[in-house]
N, C-alpha and C. Protein backbone atom coordinates (compact mmCIF):
# COMPACT_ATOMS: atom_id res chain seq x y z
N MET A 1 -0.67 -19.01 2.76
CA MET A 1 0.50 -18.67 3.93
C MET A 1 0.25 -19.30 5.26
N ASP A 2 0.98 -19.69 5.72
CA ASP A 2 0.94 -20.36 7.11
C ASP A 2 1.37 -19.07 8.13
N VAL A 3 0.44 -19.25 9.64
CA VAL A 3 0.59 -18.15 10.28
C VAL A 3 1.99 -18.14 11.45
N LYS A 4 2.79 -17.81 11.23
CA LYS A 4 3.70 -17.98 12.51
C LYS A 4 3.37 -17.95 13.88
N SER A 5 3.22 -16.50 13.79
CA SER A 5 2.65 -15.81 14.96
C SER A 5 1.71 -14.53 15.39
N ARG A 6 1.11 -14.88 16.16
CA ARG A 6 0.03 -13.53 16.31
C ARG A 6 -0.48 -13.25 17.09
N HIS A 7 -0.35 -11.75 17.78
CA HIS A 7 -0.63 -11.47 19.00
C HIS A 7 -1.08 -9.49 18.46
N HIS A 8 -1.74 -9.48 19.77
CA HIS A 8 -2.50 -7.63 19.87
C HIS A 8 -0.92 -7.13 20.44
N LEU A 9 -0.86 -5.59 19.16
CA LEU A 9 -0.22 -4.57 19.35
C LEU A 9 -0.69 -4.43 20.64
N ARG A 10 0.82 -3.67 21.60
CA ARG A 10 0.90 -2.26 22.43
C ARG A 10 -0.13 -1.17 21.95
N ALA A 11 -0.66 -0.12 23.17
CA ALA A 11 -1.65 1.07 22.90
C ALA A 11 -0.57 1.98 21.49
N ASP A 12 0.90 1.69 22.32
CA ASP A 12 1.88 2.54 21.70
C ASP A 12 2.86 1.91 20.21
N ALA A 13 2.03 0.75 19.85
CA ALA A 13 2.67 0.65 18.56
C ALA A 13 0.79 1.30 17.38
N ILE A 14 0.26 0.71 18.23
CA ILE A 14 -1.16 0.99 17.88
C ILE A 14 -0.98 2.52 16.55
N ALA A 15 -0.21 3.26 18.09
CA ALA A 15 -0.72 4.94 17.93
C ALA A 15 0.43 5.48 16.70
N ASP A 16 1.17 4.48 16.89
CA ASP A 16 2.47 4.28 15.82
C ASP A 16 1.63 4.33 14.64
N ILE A 17 0.74 3.44 14.03
CA ILE A 17 0.62 3.01 12.61
C ILE A 17 -0.61 3.79 12.85
N GLU A 18 -1.72 4.34 13.39
CA GLU A 18 -2.64 5.19 13.17
C GLU A 18 -1.85 6.96 12.75
N ASP A 19 -0.55 6.78 13.54
CA ASP A 19 -0.36 8.34 13.52
C ASP A 19 0.51 8.24 11.84
N ALA A 20 1.45 7.37 11.57
CA ALA A 20 2.68 7.00 10.45
C ALA A 20 0.78 7.06 8.98
N VAL A 21 0.31 6.24 9.32
CA VAL A 21 -0.76 5.92 7.81
C VAL A 21 -1.36 7.80 7.76
N ALA A 22 -2.17 8.51 8.72
CA ALA A 22 -2.43 9.77 8.92
C ALA A 22 -2.03 10.67 8.32
N ALA A 23 -0.57 11.24 8.45
CA ALA A 23 0.54 11.19 8.35
C ALA A 23 0.84 11.08 6.66
N THR A 24 0.92 9.87 6.33
CA THR A 24 1.24 9.71 4.90
C THR A 24 0.54 9.75 3.41
N LEU A 25 -0.81 8.99 4.20
CA LEU A 25 -1.96 9.00 3.37
C LEU A 25 -3.33 10.14 3.58
N GLY A 26 -3.06 10.85 4.91
CA GLY A 26 -4.07 11.17 5.42
C GLY A 26 -5.65 10.49 5.57
N VAL A 27 -5.19 9.30 6.47
CA VAL A 27 -6.88 8.39 6.50
C VAL A 27 -6.30 8.12 8.14
N GLU A 28 -7.76 8.53 8.49
CA GLU A 28 -7.67 8.25 9.75
C GLU A 28 -8.88 7.15 9.73
N ILE A 29 -7.48 5.68 10.10
CA ILE A 29 -8.01 4.38 10.50
C ILE A 29 -9.02 4.47 12.22
N ASP A 30 -10.10 3.89 11.86
CA ASP A 30 -10.73 4.14 13.54
C ASP A 30 -10.94 2.36 13.28
N ALA A 31 -10.47 1.55 14.69
CA ALA A 31 -10.99 -0.15 14.75
C ALA A 31 -11.05 0.05 15.60
N ASP A 32 -11.44 -1.13 16.37
CA ASP A 32 -11.51 -1.74 17.64
C ASP A 32 -9.85 -2.68 18.05
N SER A 33 -9.63 -3.46 17.42
CA SER A 33 -8.46 -4.40 17.65
C SER A 33 -7.57 -4.27 16.39
N TYR A 34 -6.03 -4.85 16.96
CA TYR A 34 -4.96 -4.57 16.01
C TYR A 34 -4.06 -5.82 16.81
N GLU A 35 -3.59 -6.60 15.23
CA GLU A 35 -3.51 -8.03 15.76
C GLU A 35 -2.35 -7.97 14.90
N LYS A 36 -1.07 -8.08 15.03
CA LYS A 36 -0.02 -8.05 14.64
C LYS A 36 0.29 -9.63 13.71
N VAL A 37 0.54 -10.14 12.40
CA VAL A 37 0.40 -11.65 12.48
C VAL A 37 2.28 -11.51 11.16
N GLU A 38 2.65 -12.88 11.86
CA GLU A 38 3.95 -12.98 10.90
C GLU A 38 4.33 -14.32 10.26
N PHE A 39 4.58 -14.63 9.03
CA PHE A 39 4.17 -15.80 8.57
C PHE A 39 5.17 -16.69 8.11
N GLU A 40 5.12 -17.96 8.33
CA GLU A 40 6.03 -19.18 8.09
C GLU A 40 7.13 -18.94 7.29
N ASP A 41 6.45 -18.59 5.46
CA ASP A 41 6.46 -18.96 4.58
C ASP A 41 6.28 -17.34 3.64
N SER A 42 6.95 -16.37 4.71
CA SER A 42 6.89 -15.19 4.12
C SER A 42 7.41 -13.92 4.44
N ASP A 43 7.67 -12.87 3.52
CA ASP A 43 8.54 -12.23 4.84
C ASP A 43 7.11 -10.50 5.00
N TRP A 44 6.30 -10.77 4.96
CA TRP A 44 5.14 -10.29 5.02
C TRP A 44 4.58 -10.03 6.49
N ASN A 45 4.58 -8.88 7.12
CA ASN A 45 4.59 -8.62 8.42
C ASN A 45 2.89 -7.41 8.45
N VAL A 46 1.79 -8.25 8.57
CA VAL A 46 0.38 -7.57 8.44
C VAL A 46 0.11 -7.72 9.70
N VAL A 47 -1.23 -6.13 9.87
CA VAL A 47 -1.68 -5.97 10.98
C VAL A 47 -3.02 -6.64 10.50
N LEU A 48 -3.45 -7.00 11.32
CA LEU A 48 -5.20 -7.46 11.23
C LEU A 48 -5.78 -6.16 12.29
N VAL A 49 -6.79 -5.49 11.12
CA VAL A 49 -7.20 -4.55 12.08
C VAL A 49 -8.60 -4.92 11.80
N ASP A 50 -9.19 -4.54 13.20
CA ASP A 50 -10.75 -5.66 13.35
C ASP A 50 -10.65 -6.81 12.52
N GLY A 51 -9.93 -7.89 12.53
CA GLY A 51 -9.94 -9.01 11.76
C GLY A 51 -9.43 -8.72 10.29
N ASP A 52 -9.19 -7.53 9.89
CA ASP A 52 -8.84 -7.65 8.30
C ASP A 52 -7.20 -7.30 8.16
N PRO A 53 -6.94 -7.61 6.90
CA PRO A 53 -5.29 -7.57 7.15
C PRO A 53 -5.35 -6.20 6.30
N LEU A 54 -4.97 -4.98 7.03
CA LEU A 54 -5.67 -3.98 6.38
C LEU A 54 -4.22 -2.93 6.18
N VAL A 55 -3.22 -2.98 6.83
CA VAL A 55 -1.93 -2.44 6.96
C VAL A 55 -0.70 -3.69 7.51
N LEU A 56 0.46 -3.55 6.42
CA LEU A 56 1.61 -3.79 6.22
C LEU A 56 2.73 -3.04 6.44
N TYR A 57 3.39 -3.85 7.06
CA TYR A 57 4.55 -3.00 7.58
C TYR A 57 5.84 -3.06 5.78
N ILE A 58 6.58 -2.17 5.69
CA ILE A 58 7.25 -2.21 4.61
C ILE A 58 8.73 -1.30 4.67
N GLU A 59 10.18 -2.17 4.33
CA GLU A 59 11.16 -1.60 5.12
C GLU A 59 11.28 -0.53 4.06
N ASP A 60 11.46 -0.08 4.84
CA ASP A 60 12.52 1.64 3.94
C ASP A 60 14.02 1.41 3.89
N ALA A 61 14.52 2.59 3.39
CA ALA A 61 15.91 2.41 2.88
C ALA A 61 16.84 2.59 3.81
N ALA A 62 16.23 2.76 4.54
CA ALA A 62 17.13 2.90 6.51
C ALA A 62 17.22 1.25 6.75
N GLY A 63 16.47 0.67 6.35
CA GLY A 63 15.96 -0.68 6.91
C GLY A 63 14.64 -0.38 7.73
N GLU A 64 13.95 0.37 8.28
CA GLU A 64 13.04 0.42 9.32
C GLU A 64 11.89 0.17 8.40
N ASP A 65 11.15 -0.31 9.38
CA ASP A 65 9.42 -0.70 9.26
C ASP A 65 8.91 -0.04 9.30
N GLU A 66 8.16 0.24 7.84
CA GLU A 66 7.25 1.89 7.54
C GLU A 66 6.27 1.16 7.57
N PRO A 67 5.21 1.27 8.33
CA PRO A 67 3.21 1.01 8.58
C PRO A 67 2.46 1.49 6.87
N PHE A 68 1.19 0.96 6.11
CA PHE A 68 1.33 1.13 5.27
C PHE A 68 0.12 0.64 4.95
N LEU A 69 -1.08 0.63 4.66
CA LEU A 69 -2.40 0.30 4.14
C LEU A 69 -1.99 -0.79 3.13
N THR A 70 -2.47 -1.66 3.05
CA THR A 70 -2.95 -2.88 2.39
C THR A 70 -3.52 -2.48 1.37
N VAL A 71 -3.64 -3.26 -0.35
CA VAL A 71 -4.36 -2.50 -1.27
C VAL A 71 -6.49 -2.82 -0.21
N GLN A 72 -5.89 -4.09 0.42
CA GLN A 72 -7.93 -3.82 1.05
C GLN A 72 -7.99 -2.84 2.06
N GLY A 73 -6.77 -2.47 2.42
CA GLY A 73 -6.98 -1.40 3.38
C GLY A 73 -6.57 0.15 2.83
N ALA A 74 -6.39 0.09 1.88
CA ALA A 74 -6.77 1.90 0.63
C ALA A 74 -8.28 1.17 0.51
N ASN A 75 -8.59 0.24 0.10
CA ASN A 75 -9.56 0.15 -0.19
C ASN A 75 -10.76 0.10 0.98
N ALA A 76 -10.68 0.29 1.93
CA ALA A 76 -11.09 -0.05 3.40
C ALA A 76 -11.33 1.18 3.65
N PHE A 77 -10.15 2.34 3.63
CA PHE A 77 -10.03 3.74 4.37
C PHE A 77 -8.92 4.59 3.36
N PRO A 78 -9.50 5.16 1.63
CA PRO A 78 -9.24 5.74 0.40
C PRO A 78 -8.38 6.64 0.94
N PRO A 79 -6.91 6.20 0.38
CA PRO A 79 -6.02 7.30 0.91
C PRO A 79 -6.30 8.98 0.40
N GLN A 80 -6.07 10.05 0.75
CA GLN A 80 -6.95 11.51 0.37
C GLN A 80 -4.84 11.76 0.17
N ARG A 81 -3.72 11.62 -0.14
CA ARG A 81 -2.50 11.72 -0.25
C ARG A 81 -1.60 10.60 -0.71
N ASN A 82 -0.46 10.40 -1.67
CA ASN A 82 0.49 10.30 -1.51
C ASN A 82 -0.37 8.66 -3.06
N VAL A 83 -1.32 9.00 -3.74
CA VAL A 83 -2.20 8.30 -4.73
C VAL A 83 -1.82 8.47 -5.86
N VAL A 84 -1.54 7.13 -6.47
CA VAL A 84 -1.38 7.22 -8.28
C VAL A 84 -2.35 6.44 -8.48
N THR A 85 -2.71 7.51 -10.11
CA THR A 85 -4.21 7.35 -10.94
C THR A 85 -4.02 6.28 -12.34
N VAL A 86 -3.82 5.41 -12.20
CA VAL A 86 -3.90 4.42 -14.03
C VAL A 86 -5.05 4.23 -14.61
N ASP A 87 -4.57 4.49 -15.97
CA ASP A 87 -5.65 4.04 -16.79
C ASP A 87 -6.27 2.92 -17.00
N ALA A 88 -7.52 2.92 -17.44
CA ALA A 88 -7.58 1.53 -17.70
C ALA A 88 -6.78 0.66 -18.46
N GLY A 89 -6.55 0.98 -20.00
CA GLY A 89 -5.24 0.04 -19.82
C GLY A 89 -3.47 -0.19 -19.38
N ALA A 90 -3.72 0.25 -17.71
CA ALA A 90 -2.39 -0.18 -17.14
C ALA A 90 -3.22 -0.92 -16.35
N VAL A 91 -4.85 -0.90 -16.07
CA VAL A 91 -5.03 -2.27 -15.03
C VAL A 91 -4.24 -3.74 -14.98
N SER A 92 -4.83 -4.32 -15.88
CA SER A 92 -4.62 -5.98 -16.33
C SER A 92 -3.34 -5.61 -16.17
N PHE A 93 -2.10 -5.07 -16.22
CA PHE A 93 -0.48 -4.86 -15.74
C PHE A 93 -0.26 -4.85 -14.41
N VAL A 94 -0.66 -3.69 -13.67
CA VAL A 94 -0.87 -3.75 -12.29
C VAL A 94 -1.41 -4.56 -11.70
N SER A 95 -2.56 -5.11 -11.86
CA SER A 95 -3.15 -6.10 -11.09
C SER A 95 -2.43 -7.33 -10.80
N ASP A 96 -1.64 -7.48 -12.24
CA ASP A 96 -0.71 -8.72 -11.91
C ASP A 96 0.67 -8.66 -11.57
N GLY A 97 1.13 -7.17 -10.72
CA GLY A 97 1.86 -7.24 -9.96
C GLY A 97 3.28 -6.17 -10.54
N ALA A 98 3.22 -5.65 -12.07
CA ALA A 98 3.73 -5.06 -12.66
C ALA A 98 3.85 -3.88 -12.25
N ASP A 99 5.21 -3.33 -12.09
CA ASP A 99 6.03 -2.19 -12.10
C ASP A 99 5.59 -1.46 -12.60
N VAL A 100 4.90 0.25 -12.44
CA VAL A 100 4.00 0.84 -13.43
C VAL A 100 4.64 2.08 -14.02
N MET A 101 4.37 2.22 -15.68
CA MET A 101 5.18 2.72 -16.23
C MET A 101 4.27 4.45 -16.46
N ARG A 102 5.16 5.37 -17.23
CA ARG A 102 4.24 6.65 -17.26
C ARG A 102 3.19 6.30 -18.26
N PRO A 103 3.88 5.57 -18.93
CA PRO A 103 2.01 6.01 -19.84
C PRO A 103 0.78 5.42 -19.34
N GLY A 104 0.81 4.93 -18.15
CA GLY A 104 -0.45 4.10 -17.89
C GLY A 104 -1.00 5.46 -16.30
N ILE A 105 0.07 6.15 -16.47
CA ILE A 105 -0.75 6.76 -15.14
C ILE A 105 -1.83 8.44 -15.85
N VAL A 106 -2.48 8.96 -15.43
CA VAL A 106 -3.20 9.39 -15.85
C VAL A 106 -3.50 11.08 -14.60
N GLU A 107 -2.63 10.49 -13.14
CA GLU A 107 -2.51 11.62 -12.46
C GLU A 107 -1.33 11.01 -11.43
N ALA A 108 -0.99 11.65 -10.77
CA ALA A 108 -0.08 11.60 -9.19
C ALA A 108 -0.51 13.03 -8.07
N ASP A 109 0.33 12.44 -7.34
CA ASP A 109 -0.24 13.25 -6.06
C ASP A 109 1.24 14.16 -6.53
N ASP A 110 1.00 15.90 -6.54
CA ASP A 110 2.30 16.38 -6.92
C ASP A 110 3.15 16.13 -5.77
N SER A 111 2.55 15.99 -4.33
CA SER A 111 3.43 15.71 -2.65
C SER A 111 4.30 14.85 -2.73
N ILE A 112 3.86 13.91 -3.96
CA ILE A 112 4.72 12.54 -3.32
C ILE A 112 6.53 12.68 -4.13
N GLU A 113 7.01 12.24 -3.47
CA GLU A 113 8.82 12.32 -3.74
C GLU A 113 9.31 11.04 -3.77
N SER A 114 10.10 11.18 -5.03
CA SER A 114 10.78 9.70 -4.80
C SER A 114 11.53 8.97 -3.48
N GLY A 115 11.07 8.07 -3.53
CA GLY A 115 11.09 6.69 -2.30
C GLY A 115 9.98 6.34 -1.05
N ASP A 116 8.60 7.55 -1.40
CA ASP A 116 7.79 7.51 -1.34
C ASP A 116 7.30 6.25 -1.37
N LEU A 117 6.08 5.70 -0.26
CA LEU A 117 5.43 4.75 -0.34
C LEU A 117 4.16 5.18 -1.40
N VAL A 118 3.02 4.39 -2.37
CA VAL A 118 2.11 5.23 -2.33
C VAL A 118 1.42 4.17 -3.29
N ALA A 119 0.21 4.72 -3.27
CA ALA A 119 -1.32 3.33 -3.31
C ALA A 119 -1.75 3.69 -5.00
N ILE A 120 -2.03 3.12 -5.56
CA ILE A 120 -2.20 2.83 -7.05
C ILE A 120 -3.83 2.56 -7.27
N ALA A 121 -4.70 3.37 -7.88
CA ALA A 121 -5.98 3.45 -7.90
C ALA A 121 -6.19 3.69 -9.52
N GLU A 122 -7.23 2.51 -10.22
CA GLU A 122 -7.73 2.60 -11.65
C GLU A 122 -8.28 4.04 -11.86
N GLU A 123 -8.66 4.38 -13.04
CA GLU A 123 -9.20 6.15 -12.91
C GLU A 123 -10.78 5.94 -12.83
N SER A 124 -11.33 4.58 -13.39
CA SER A 124 -12.58 4.57 -14.12
C SER A 124 -13.63 4.71 -12.44
N HIS A 125 -12.94 3.79 -11.87
CA HIS A 125 -13.75 3.62 -10.39
C HIS A 125 -13.47 3.73 -8.89
N GLY A 126 -12.18 4.28 -9.59
CA GLY A 126 -11.03 4.60 -8.33
C GLY A 126 -10.79 3.82 -7.26
N LYS A 127 -11.23 2.16 -7.46
CA LYS A 127 -10.60 1.60 -6.36
C LYS A 127 -9.07 1.66 -6.69
N PHE A 128 -8.83 0.55 -5.30
CA PHE A 128 -7.12 0.81 -5.08
C PHE A 128 -6.63 -1.07 -5.76
N LEU A 129 -5.40 -1.40 -6.59
CA LEU A 129 -5.05 -1.92 -7.24
C LEU A 129 -3.81 -2.16 -6.21
N ALA A 130 -3.38 -1.74 -6.19
CA ALA A 130 -1.56 -2.04 -5.76
C ALA A 130 -1.23 -0.89 -4.34
N VAL A 131 -0.39 -1.32 -4.12
CA VAL A 131 0.92 -0.21 -3.17
C VAL A 131 2.24 -0.42 -3.42
N GLY A 132 3.23 0.16 -4.37
CA GLY A 132 4.18 0.09 -4.51
C GLY A 132 5.22 1.79 -4.23
N ARG A 133 6.25 1.51 -4.32
CA ARG A 133 7.49 2.51 -4.16
C ARG A 133 7.74 3.73 -5.32
N ALA A 134 7.86 5.19 -5.31
CA ALA A 134 7.85 5.85 -6.11
C ALA A 134 9.20 5.93 -6.36
N LYS A 135 9.42 5.68 -7.89
CA LYS A 135 11.18 6.26 -8.33
C LYS A 135 11.11 7.86 -8.61
N THR A 136 10.24 7.90 -8.63
CA THR A 136 10.17 9.83 -9.06
C THR A 136 9.73 10.19 -7.91
N SER A 137 9.72 11.79 -8.50
CA SER A 137 8.31 12.61 -7.21
C SER A 137 6.61 12.44 -8.41
N GLY A 138 6.05 13.03 -7.79
CA GLY A 138 4.71 12.98 -7.94
C GLY A 138 4.59 13.70 -9.11
N ASP A 139 4.98 15.22 -9.68
CA ASP A 139 4.59 16.09 -10.90
C ASP A 139 5.99 15.44 -12.37
N ASP A 140 6.82 14.27 -11.86
CA ASP A 140 7.19 13.53 -12.62
C ASP A 140 6.54 12.51 -13.29
N MET A 141 5.55 12.29 -12.97
CA MET A 141 5.15 10.61 -13.10
C MET A 141 4.38 10.56 -14.24
N VAL A 142 3.71 11.85 -14.46
CA VAL A 142 3.36 11.49 -16.32
C VAL A 142 3.61 12.22 -17.30
N GLY A 143 3.62 10.85 -18.23
CA GLY A 143 4.89 11.21 -19.14
C GLY A 143 4.65 10.08 -20.26
N ASP A 144 5.83 10.32 -21.29
CA ASP A 144 5.68 9.32 -22.12
C ASP A 144 6.23 7.96 -21.52
N SER A 145 7.23 7.41 -20.93
CA SER A 145 8.38 6.46 -21.24
C SER A 145 9.26 6.53 -19.17
N GLY A 146 8.67 5.35 -19.22
CA GLY A 146 9.96 4.73 -18.38
C GLY A 146 9.15 4.53 -16.76
N LYS A 147 10.11 3.68 -16.28
CA LYS A 147 9.52 3.19 -14.86
C LYS A 147 9.10 4.78 -13.80
N VAL A 148 7.67 3.98 -13.06
CA VAL A 148 7.79 5.41 -12.33
C VAL A 148 7.88 4.95 -10.78
N VAL A 149 6.83 3.92 -10.58
CA VAL A 149 6.74 3.14 -9.56
C VAL A 149 6.77 1.24 -9.68
N GLU A 150 7.67 1.61 -8.51
CA GLU A 150 7.56 0.02 -8.34
C GLU A 150 6.46 -1.35 -7.64
N SER A 151 6.46 -1.87 -8.24
CA SER A 151 5.36 -2.75 -7.44
C SER A 151 6.04 -3.56 -5.83
N ILE A 152 5.07 -3.50 -5.10
CA ILE A 152 5.33 -4.59 -3.80
C ILE A 152 3.97 -5.26 -3.20
N HIS A 153 2.82 -4.65 -3.57
CA HIS A 153 1.72 -5.59 -3.33
C HIS A 153 0.62 -5.30 -4.08
N HIS A 154 0.15 -5.97 -4.68
CA HIS A 154 -1.36 -6.19 -5.68
C HIS A 154 -2.43 -6.82 -5.32
N VAL A 155 -2.75 -6.35 -6.38
CA VAL A 155 -4.80 -7.72 -6.44
C VAL A 155 -4.10 -9.07 -6.63
N GLY A 156 -4.90 -9.90 -5.49
CA GLY A 156 -4.17 -10.81 -6.74
C GLY A 156 -2.79 -12.20 -5.44
N ASP A 157 -1.94 -11.21 -5.22
CA ASP A 157 -0.66 -11.77 -4.71
C ASP A 157 -1.04 -12.30 -3.63
N ASP A 158 -0.17 -13.48 -3.14
CA ASP A 158 -0.44 -13.81 -1.36
C ASP A 158 -1.04 -13.13 -0.17
N LEU A 159 -0.87 -11.75 -0.44
CA LEU A 159 -1.06 -11.13 0.62
C LEU A 159 -2.44 -10.73 0.85
N PHE A 160 -2.51 -10.21 -0.57
CA PHE A 160 -4.22 -10.17 -0.80
C PHE A 160 -5.41 -11.49 -0.98
N GLU A 161 -5.04 -12.48 -1.02
CA GLU A 161 -5.73 -13.72 -0.80
C GLU A 161 -5.55 -14.15 0.48
N PHE A 162 -4.91 -13.39 1.43
CA PHE A 162 -4.36 -14.10 2.80
C PHE A 162 -6.43 -14.09 3.53
N ALA A 163 -5.94 -14.94 4.24
CA ALA A 163 -7.96 -14.82 5.21
C ALA A 163 -7.43 -14.94 6.29
N VAL A 164 -8.18 -14.72 7.35
CA VAL A 164 -7.72 -15.13 8.53
C VAL A 164 -8.53 -16.33 9.09
């Protein structure tokens, strides 16, 4: 991925990111520098937090950009809310970018609503594998069949592999 532009964020944009991540995920980001990066060959809009791609802007249903943690960001600042946990059998699929199916889910935050962004963790070590958008509420995610989380960003994709 080729960088098109890179610039430091203003204090109000930083506050917006920190407030949104705290409200959605229950995470306090503590950092010294925030730089927004736009790419030539990708639609990703990423924020480098102390030099690492830890925040991603994801378009919501209204077309507004919503800040959320990348996979690296979720592993650096583990979310307390909006977490979906998958079993070992789902790890390879989720890591390859597959949408998350009900049979692979062992636990989901009850406060998740359809349309919310979620962080997807694996059960045995608690590591985050992907970021997605919920297609149903958290209390309806565990079950026998159906797609419940649409994958947006995952371990091994271009964004995950991006290094400054």
